[in-house]
Amino acid sequence: MKSIALKVKIKHFLKTADEKVLNIVGDGYENYNQNKNVAFYSDLKPRCKQEHNIAIGSDRVKAINLFLLKSLKKNKEMFKVV
């Protein structure tokens, strides 16, 4: 769903929701924005949301670099002068 349509739907929902539903949504939003533990390291230490996002980003960079390195090696072999 596009973000504009979703915003309209949420605004309508908030106008018609009862207090219990509003409390649930509010708590969910607060928890989403807090820097709580969302994952664990391999040694079972908790990892907060910010640390987790950094780790995912560095893993993606490593994967991209590995892919590029393999591609360069493959292309180098293809254009090797005999």
PDB file of N, CA and C in Angstrom:
ATOM      1  N   MET A   1       0.851  -1.171   0.000  1.00  0.00           N
ATOM      2  CA  MET A   1       0.000   0.000   0.000  1.00  0.00           C
ATOM      3  C   MET A   1       0.896   1.233   0.000  1.00  0.00           C
ATOM      4  N   LYS A   2       0.561   2.191  -0.808  1.00  0.00           N
ATOM      5  CA  LYS A   2       1.359   3.418  -0.867  1.00  0.00           C
ATOM      6  C   LYS A   2       1.221   4.196   0.433  1.00  0.00           C
ATOM      7  N   SER A   3       2.255   4.940   0.759  1.00  0.00           N
ATOM      8  CA  SER A   3       2.283   5.633   2.049  1.00  0.00           C
ATOM      9  C   SER A   3       1.155   6.646   2.199  1.00  0.00           C
ATOM     10  N   ILE A   4       0.785   7.343   1.132  1.00  0.00           N
ATOM     11  CA  ILE A   4      -0.289   8.345   1.232  1.00  0.00           C
ATOM     12  C   ILE A   4      -1.618   7.665   1.552  1.00  0.00           C
ATOM     13  N   ALA A   5      -1.911   6.568   0.853  1.00  0.00           N
ATOM     14  CA  ALA A   5      -3.155   5.840   1.113  1.00  0.00           C
ATOM     15  C   ALA A   5      -3.155   5.267   2.521  1.00  0.00           C
ATOM     16  N   LEU A   6      -1.995   4.798   2.971  1.00  0.00           N
ATOM     17  CA  LEU A   6      -1.899   4.250   4.320  1.00  0.00           C
ATOM     18  C   LEU A   6      -2.125   5.334   5.366  1.00  0.00           C
ATOM     19  N   LYS A   7      -1.565   6.527   5.146  1.00  0.00           N
ATOM     20  CA  LYS A   7      -1.775   7.635   6.078  1.00  0.00           C
ATOM     21  C   LYS A   7      -3.251   8.007   6.169  1.00  0.00           C
ATOM     22  N   VAL A   8      -3.940   8.038   5.046  1.00  0.00           N
ATOM     23  CA  VAL A   8      -5.376   8.359   5.035  1.00  0.00           C
ATOM     24  C   VAL A   8      -6.139   7.290   5.816  1.00  0.00           C
ATOM     25  N   LYS A   9      -5.789   6.043   5.578  1.00  0.00           N
ATOM     26  CA  LYS A   9      -6.457   4.938   6.271  1.00  0.00           C
ATOM     27  C   LYS A   9      -6.229   5.024   7.781  1.00  0.00           C
ATOM     28  N   ILE A  10      -5.002   5.337   8.182  1.00  0.00           N
ATOM     29  CA  ILE A  10      -4.691   5.438   9.616  1.00  0.00           C
ATOM     30  C   ILE A  10      -5.430   6.614  10.247  1.00  0.00           C
ATOM     31  N   LYS A  11      -5.474   7.755   9.553  1.00  0.00           N
ATOM     32  CA  LYS A  11      -6.190   8.916  10.085  1.00  0.00           C
ATOM     33  C   LYS A  11      -7.668   8.591  10.298  1.00  0.00           C
ATOM     34  N   HIS A  12      -8.287   7.910   9.339  1.00  0.00           N
ATOM     35  CA  HIS A  12      -9.689   7.519   9.482  1.00  0.00           C
ATOM     36  C   HIS A  12      -9.843   6.527  10.644  1.00  0.00           C
ATOM     37  N   PHE A  13      -8.919   5.602  10.731  1.00  0.00           N
ATOM     38  CA  PHE A  13      -8.948   4.612  11.806  1.00  0.00           C
ATOM     39  C   PHE A  13      -8.855   5.292  13.165  1.00  0.00           C
ATOM     40  N   LEU A  14      -7.973   6.285  13.296  1.00  0.00           N
ATOM     41  CA  LEU A  14      -7.799   6.970  14.572  1.00  0.00           C
ATOM     42  C   LEU A  14      -9.037   7.775  14.964  1.00  0.00           C
ATOM     43  N   LYS A  15      -9.779   8.276  13.973  1.00  0.00           N
ATOM     44  CA  LYS A  15     -11.003   9.026  14.272  1.00  0.00           C
ATOM     45  C   LYS A  15     -12.094   8.114  14.836  1.00  0.00           C
ATOM     46  N   THR A  16     -12.096   6.853  14.407  1.00  0.00           N
ATOM     47  CA  THR A  16     -13.177   5.942  14.800  1.00  0.00           C
ATOM     48  C   THR A  16     -12.775   4.935  15.871  1.00  0.00           C
ATOM     49  N   ALA A  17     -11.484   4.884  16.242  1.00  0.00           N
ATOM     50  CA  ALA A  17     -11.007   3.874  17.196  1.00  0.00           C
ATOM     51  C   ALA A  17     -11.421   4.217  18.618  1.00  0.00           C
ATOM     52  N   ASP A  18     -11.592   3.170  19.433  1.00  0.00           N
ATOM     53  CA  ASP A  18     -11.880   3.403  20.842  1.00  0.00           C
ATOM     54  C   ASP A  18     -10.561   3.550  21.619  1.00  0.00           C
ATOM     55  N   GLU A  19     -10.677   3.843  22.903  1.00  0.00           N
ATOM     56  CA  GLU A  19      -9.497   4.136  23.718  1.00  0.00           C
ATOM     57  C   GLU A  19      -8.545   2.942  23.827  1.00  0.00           C
ATOM     58  N   LYS A  20      -9.089   1.741  23.923  1.00  0.00           N
ATOM     59  CA  LYS A  20      -8.257   0.544  24.060  1.00  0.00           C
ATOM     60  C   LYS A  20      -7.359   0.358  22.830  1.00  0.00           C
ATOM     61  N   VAL A  21      -7.938   0.513  21.664  1.00  0.00           N
ATOM     62  CA  VAL A  21      -7.169   0.358  20.419  1.00  0.00           C
ATOM     63  C   VAL A  21      -6.122   1.460  20.311  1.00  0.00           C
ATOM     64  N   LEU A  22      -6.490   2.684  20.679  1.00  0.00           N
ATOM     65  CA  LEU A  22      -5.537   3.792  20.626  1.00  0.00           C
ATOM     66  C   LEU A  22      -4.349   3.547  21.557  1.00  0.00           C
ATOM     67  N   ASN A  23      -4.606   2.988  22.747  1.00  0.00           N
ATOM     68  CA  ASN A  23      -3.524   2.670  23.670  1.00  0.00           C
ATOM     69  C   ASN A  23      -2.593   1.610  23.089  1.00  0.00           C
ATOM     70  N   ILE A  24      -3.165   0.607  22.438  1.00  0.00           N
ATOM     71  CA  ILE A  24      -2.356  -0.455  21.823  1.00  0.00           C
ATOM     72  C   ILE A  24      -1.473   0.121  20.721  1.00  0.00           C
ATOM     73  N   VAL A  25      -2.065   0.932  19.861  1.00  0.00           N
ATOM     74  CA  VAL A  25      -1.304   1.544  18.762  1.00  0.00           C
ATOM     75  C   VAL A  25      -0.231   2.480  19.309  1.00  0.00           C
ATOM     76  N   GLY A  26      -0.579   3.266  20.300  1.00  0.00           N
ATOM     77  CA  GLY A  26       0.389   4.186  20.910  1.00  0.00           C
ATOM     78  C   GLY A  26       1.568   3.457  21.526  1.00  0.00           C
ATOM     79  N   ASP A  27       1.287   2.374  22.248  1.00  0.00           N
ATOM     80  CA  ASP A  27       2.363   1.578  22.848  1.00  0.00           C
ATOM     81  C   ASP A  27       3.248   0.950  21.774  1.00  0.00           C
ATOM     82  N   GLY A  28       2.637   0.463  20.728  1.00  0.00           N
ATOM     83  CA  GLY A  28       3.414  -0.126  19.632  1.00  0.00           C
ATOM     84  C   GLY A  28       4.328   0.895  18.987  1.00  0.00           C
ATOM     85  N   TYR A  29       3.828   2.099  18.774  1.00  0.00           N
ATOM     86  CA  TYR A  29       4.627   3.161  18.162  1.00  0.00           C
ATOM     87  C   TYR A  29       5.782   3.567  19.074  1.00  0.00           C
ATOM     88  N   GLU A  30       5.513   3.687  20.367  1.00  0.00           N
ATOM     89  CA  GLU A  30       6.568   4.043  21.321  1.00  0.00           C
ATOM     90  C   GLU A  30       7.657   2.977  21.354  1.00  0.00           C
ATOM     91  N   ASN A  31       7.253   1.714  21.390  1.00  0.00           N
ATOM     92  CA  ASN A  31       8.229   0.627  21.408  1.00  0.00           C
ATOM     93  C   ASN A  31       9.054   0.601  20.130  1.00  0.00           C
ATOM     94  N   TYR A  32       8.443   0.921  19.013  1.00  0.00           N
ATOM     95  CA  TYR A  32       9.157   0.938  17.737  1.00  0.00           C
ATOM     96  C   TYR A  32      10.248   2.002  17.739  1.00  0.00           C
ATOM     97  N   ASN A  33       9.985   3.143  18.340  1.00  0.00           N
ATOM     98  CA  ASN A  33      10.937   4.254  18.335  1.00  0.00           C
ATOM     99  C   ASN A  33      11.996   4.170  19.421  1.00  0.00           C
ATOM    100  N   GLN A  34      11.822   3.294  20.390  1.00  0.00           N
ATOM    101  CA  GLN A  34      12.810   3.169  21.460  1.00  0.00           C
ATOM    102  C   GLN A  34      13.981   2.324  20.985  1.00  0.00           C
ATOM    103  N   ASN A  35      15.083   2.472  21.686  1.00  0.00           N
ATOM    104  CA  ASN A  35      16.306   1.754  21.337  1.00  0.00           C
ATOM    105  C   ASN A  35      16.403   0.479  22.182  1.00  0.00           C
ATOM    106  N   LYS A  36      15.376  -0.356  22.106  1.00  0.00           N
ATOM    107  CA  LYS A  36      15.341  -1.590  22.893  1.00  0.00           C
ATOM    108  C   LYS A  36      16.103  -2.692  22.183  1.00  0.00           C
ATOM    109  N   ASN A  37      16.316  -3.791  22.906  1.00  0.00           N
ATOM    110  CA  ASN A  37      16.995  -4.943  22.331  1.00  0.00           C
ATOM    111  C   ASN A  37      16.111  -5.587  21.278  1.00  0.00           C
ATOM    112  N   VAL A  38      16.672  -5.800  20.103  1.00  0.00           N
ATOM    113  CA  VAL A  38      15.915  -6.388  19.012  1.00  0.00           C
ATOM    114  C   VAL A  38      16.566  -7.653  18.465  1.00  0.00           C
ATOM    115  N   ALA A  39      17.808  -7.923  18.892  1.00  0.00           N
ATOM    116  CA  ALA A  39      18.521  -9.100  18.405  1.00  0.00           C
ATOM    117  C   ALA A  39      19.581  -9.467  19.436  1.00  0.00           C
ATOM    118  N   PHE A  40      20.314 -10.517  19.135  1.00  0.00           N
ATOM    119  CA  PHE A  40      21.354 -10.963  20.047  1.00  0.00           C
ATOM    120  C   PHE A  40      22.627 -11.272  19.272  1.00  0.00           C
ATOM    121  N   TYR A  41      23.765 -11.010  19.918  1.00  0.00           N
ATOM    122  CA  TYR A  41      25.045 -11.395  19.337  1.00  0.00           C
ATOM    123  C   TYR A  41      25.194 -12.911  19.465  1.00  0.00           C
ATOM    124  N   SER A  42      26.217 -13.456  18.823  1.00  0.00           N
ATOM    125  CA  SER A  42      26.422 -14.911  18.874  1.00  0.00           C
ATOM    126  C   SER A  42      26.732 -15.395  20.292  1.00  0.00           C
ATOM    127  N   ASP A  43      27.260 -14.517  21.142  1.00  0.00           N
ATOM    128  CA  ASP A  43      27.517 -14.894  22.543  1.00  0.00           C
ATOM    129  C   ASP A  43      26.317 -14.602  23.443  1.00  0.00           C
ATOM    130  N   LEU A  44      25.161 -14.371  22.825  1.00  0.00           N
ATOM    131  CA  LEU A  44      23.869 -14.155  23.491  1.00  0.00           C
ATOM    132  C   LEU A  44      23.759 -12.838  24.248  1.00  0.00           C
ATOM    133  N   LYS A  45      24.658 -11.893  23.998  1.00  0.00           N
ATOM    134  CA  LYS A  45      24.488 -10.549  24.553  1.00  0.00           C
ATOM    135  C   LYS A  45      23.419  -9.840  23.728  1.00  0.00           C
ATOM    136  N   PRO A  46      22.556  -9.058  24.376  1.00  0.00           N
ATOM    137  CA  PRO A  46      21.515  -8.359  23.615  1.00  0.00           C
ATOM    138  C   PRO A  46      22.105  -7.264  22.725  1.00  0.00           C
ATOM    139  N   ARG A  47      21.443  -7.037  21.603  1.00  0.00           N
ATOM    140  CA  ARG A  47      21.859  -5.983  20.664  1.00  0.00           C
ATOM    141  C   ARG A  47      20.676  -5.054  20.471  1.00  0.00           C
ATOM    142  N   CYS A  48      20.904  -3.747  20.679  1.00  0.00           N
ATOM    143  CA  CYS A  48      19.817  -2.775  20.528  1.00  0.00           C
ATOM    144  C   CYS A  48      19.562  -2.515  19.043  1.00  0.00           C
ATOM    145  N   LYS A  49      18.499  -1.799  18.768  1.00  0.00           N
ATOM    146  CA  LYS A  49      18.069  -1.539  17.396  1.00  0.00           C
ATOM    147  C   LYS A  49      19.160  -0.840  16.585  1.00  0.00           C
ATOM    148  N   GLN A  50      19.812   0.163  17.174  1.00  0.00           N
ATOM    149  CA  GLN A  50      20.846   0.899  16.459  1.00  0.00           C
ATOM    150  C   GLN A  50      22.031  -0.007  16.128  1.00  0.00           C
ATOM    151  N   GLU A  51      22.481  -0.811  17.087  1.00  0.00           N
ATOM    152  CA  GLU A  51      23.593  -1.732  16.846  1.00  0.00           C
ATOM    153  C   GLU A  51      23.226  -2.756  15.780  1.00  0.00           C
ATOM    154  N   HIS A  52      21.990  -3.215  15.823  1.00  0.00           N
ATOM    155  CA  HIS A  52      21.530  -4.204  14.850  1.00  0.00           C
ATOM    156  C   HIS A  52      21.527  -3.623  13.436  1.00  0.00           C
ATOM    157  N   ASN A  53      21.039  -2.398  13.293  1.00  0.00           N
ATOM    158  CA  ASN A  53      21.027  -1.756  11.973  1.00  0.00           C
ATOM    159  C   ASN A  53      22.440  -1.553  11.441  1.00  0.00           C
ATOM    160  N   ILE A  54      23.375  -1.188  12.316  1.00  0.00           N
ATOM    161  CA  ILE A  54      24.769  -1.016  11.904  1.00  0.00           C
ATOM    162  C   ILE A  54      25.345  -2.353  11.450  1.00  0.00           C
ATOM    163  N   ALA A  55      25.062  -3.416  12.210  1.00  0.00           N
ATOM    164  CA  ALA A  55      25.584  -4.740  11.859  1.00  0.00           C
ATOM    165  C   ALA A  55      25.015  -5.221  10.530  1.00  0.00           C
ATOM    166  N   ILE A  56      23.736  -5.006  10.314  1.00  0.00           N
ATOM    167  CA  ILE A  56      23.118  -5.413   9.044  1.00  0.00           C
ATOM    168  C   ILE A  56      23.751  -4.636   7.896  1.00  0.00           C
ATOM    169  N   GLY A  57      23.958  -3.348   8.096  1.00  0.00           N
ATOM    170  CA  GLY A  57      24.580  -2.530   7.063  1.00  0.00           C
ATOM    171  C   GLY A  57      25.981  -2.994   6.738  1.00  0.00           C
ATOM    172  N   SER A  58      26.781  -3.308   7.754  1.00  0.00           N
ATOM    173  CA  SER A  58      28.147  -3.753   7.495  1.00  0.00           C
ATOM    174  C   SER A  58      28.151  -5.127   6.843  1.00  0.00           C
ATOM    175  N   ASP A  59      27.205  -5.992   7.197  1.00  0.00           N
ATOM    176  CA  ASP A  59      27.096  -7.298   6.540  1.00  0.00           C
ATOM    177  C   ASP A  59      26.760  -7.138   5.066  1.00  0.00           C
ATOM    178  N   ARG A  60      25.897  -6.194   4.753  1.00  0.00           N
ATOM    179  CA  ARG A  60      25.532  -5.950   3.354  1.00  0.00           C
ATOM    180  C   ARG A  60      26.720  -5.406   2.568  1.00  0.00           C
ATOM    181  N   VAL A  61      27.475  -4.514   3.196  1.00  0.00           N
ATOM    182  CA  VAL A  61      28.658  -3.966   2.528  1.00  0.00           C
ATOM    183  C   VAL A  61      29.664  -5.082   2.254  1.00  0.00           C
ATOM    184  N   LYS A  62      29.865  -5.961   3.242  1.00  0.00           N
ATOM    185  CA  LYS A  62      30.786  -7.086   3.050  1.00  0.00           C
ATOM    186  C   LYS A  62      30.316  -7.981   1.903  1.00  0.00           C
ATOM    187  N   ALA A  63      29.024  -8.250   1.854  1.00  0.00           N
ATOM    188  CA  ALA A  63      28.481  -9.105   0.795  1.00  0.00           C
ATOM    189  C   ALA A  63      28.652  -8.455  -0.576  1.00  0.00           C
ATOM    190  N   ILE A  64      28.415  -7.169  -0.665  1.00  0.00           N
ATOM    191  CA  ILE A  64      28.574  -6.455  -1.940  1.00  0.00           C
ATOM    192  C   ILE A  64      30.037  -6.460  -2.365  1.00  0.00           C
ATOM    193  N   ASN A  65      30.943  -6.203  -1.417  1.00  0.00           N
ATOM    194  CA  ASN A  65      32.369  -6.213  -1.738  1.00  0.00           C
ATOM    195  C   ASN A  65      32.818  -7.585  -2.213  1.00  0.00           C
ATOM    196  N   LEU A  66      32.345  -8.635  -1.576  1.00  0.00           N
ATOM    197  CA  LEU A  66      32.696  -9.990  -1.979  1.00  0.00           C
ATOM    198  C   LEU A  66      32.178 -10.281  -3.386  1.00  0.00           C
ATOM    199  N   PHE A  67      30.950  -9.863  -3.665  1.00  0.00           N
ATOM    200  CA  PHE A  67      30.371 -10.051  -4.994  1.00  0.00           C
ATOM    201  C   PHE A  67      31.190  -9.316  -6.054  1.00  0.00           C
ATOM    202  N   LEU A  68      31.559  -8.070  -5.758  1.00  0.00           N
ATOM    203  CA  LEU A  68      32.351  -7.288  -6.712  1.00  0.00           C
ATOM    204  C   LEU A  68      33.733  -7.902  -6.937  1.00  0.00           C
ATOM    205  N   LEU A  69      34.340  -8.395  -5.879  1.00  0.00           N
ATOM    206  CA  LEU A  69      35.643  -9.026  -5.996  1.00  0.00           C
ATOM    207  C   LEU A  69      35.571 -10.275  -6.876  1.00  0.00           C
ATOM    208  N   LYS A  70      34.558 -11.097  -6.646  1.00  0.00           N
ATOM    209  CA  LYS A  70      34.378 -12.295  -7.468  1.00  0.00           C
ATOM    210  C   LYS A  70      34.116 -11.922  -8.924  1.00  0.00           C
ATOM    211  N   SER A  71      33.311 -10.888  -9.137  1.00  0.00           N
ATOM    212  CA  SER A  71      33.011 -10.445 -10.502  1.00  0.00           C
ATOM    213  C   SER A  71      34.262  -9.948 -11.206  1.00  0.00           C
ATOM    214  N   LEU A  72      35.088  -9.195 -10.477  1.00  0.00           N
ATOM    215  CA  LEU A  72      36.325  -8.694 -11.071  1.00  0.00           C
ATOM    216  C   LEU A  72      37.263  -9.838 -11.440  1.00  0.00           C
ATOM    217  N   LYS A  73      37.385 -10.823 -10.571  1.00  0.00           N
ATOM    218  CA  LYS A  73      38.246 -11.974 -10.857  1.00  0.00           C
ATOM    219  C   LYS A  73      37.736 -12.737 -12.074  1.00  0.00           C
ATOM    220  N   LYS A  74      36.436 -12.914 -12.141  1.00  0.00           N
ATOM    221  CA  LYS A  74      35.835 -13.633 -13.267  1.00  0.00           C
ATOM    222  C   LYS A  74      36.071 -12.873 -14.575  1.00  0.00           C
ATOM    223  N   ASN A  75      35.846 -11.559 -14.550  1.00  0.00           N
ATOM    224  CA  ASN A  75      36.042 -10.743 -15.748  1.00  0.00           C
ATOM    225  C   ASN A  75      37.515 -10.709 -16.146  1.00  0.00           C
ATOM    226  N   LYS A  76      38.400 -10.692 -15.177  1.00  0.00           N
ATOM    227  CA  LYS A  76      39.829 -10.674 -15.457  1.00  0.00           C
ATOM    228  C   LYS A  76      40.236 -11.951 -16.201  1.00  0.00           C
ATOM    229  N   GLU A  77      39.672 -13.080 -15.776  1.00  0.00           N
ATOM    230  CA  GLU A  77      39.964 -14.340 -16.429  1.00  0.00           C
ATOM    231  C   GLU A  77      39.385 -14.379 -17.847  1.00  0.00           C
ATOM    232  N   MET A  78      38.237 -13.759 -18.046  1.00  0.00           N
ATOM    233  CA  MET A  78      37.607 -13.741 -19.362  1.00  0.00           C
ATOM    234  C   MET A  78      38.445 -12.959 -20.370  1.00  0.00           C
ATOM    235  N   PHE A  79      39.057 -11.861 -19.910  1.00  0.00           N
ATOM    236  CA  PHE A  79      39.795 -10.988 -20.823  1.00  0.00           C
ATOM    237  C   PHE A  79      41.298 -11.204 -20.749  1.00  0.00           C
ATOM    238  N   LYS A  80      41.689 -12.321 -20.198  1.00  0.00           N
ATOM    239  CA  LYS A  80      43.107 -12.635 -20.042  1.00  0.00           C
ATOM    240  C   LYS A  80      43.743 -12.816 -21.424  1.00  0.00           C
ATOM    241  N   VAL A  81      44.856 -12.154 -21.628  1.00  0.00           N
ATOM    242  CA  VAL A  81      45.578 -12.267 -22.906  1.00  0.00           C
ATOM    243  C   VAL A  81      46.510 -13.462 -22.802  1.00  0.00           C
ATOM    244  N   VAL A  82      46.438 -14.332 -23.824  1.00  0.00           N
ATOM    245  CA  VAL A  82      47.241 -15.558 -23.803  1.00  0.00           C
ATOM    246  C   VAL A  82      48.515 -15.388 -24.584  1.00  0.00           C
TER     247      VAL A  82
END
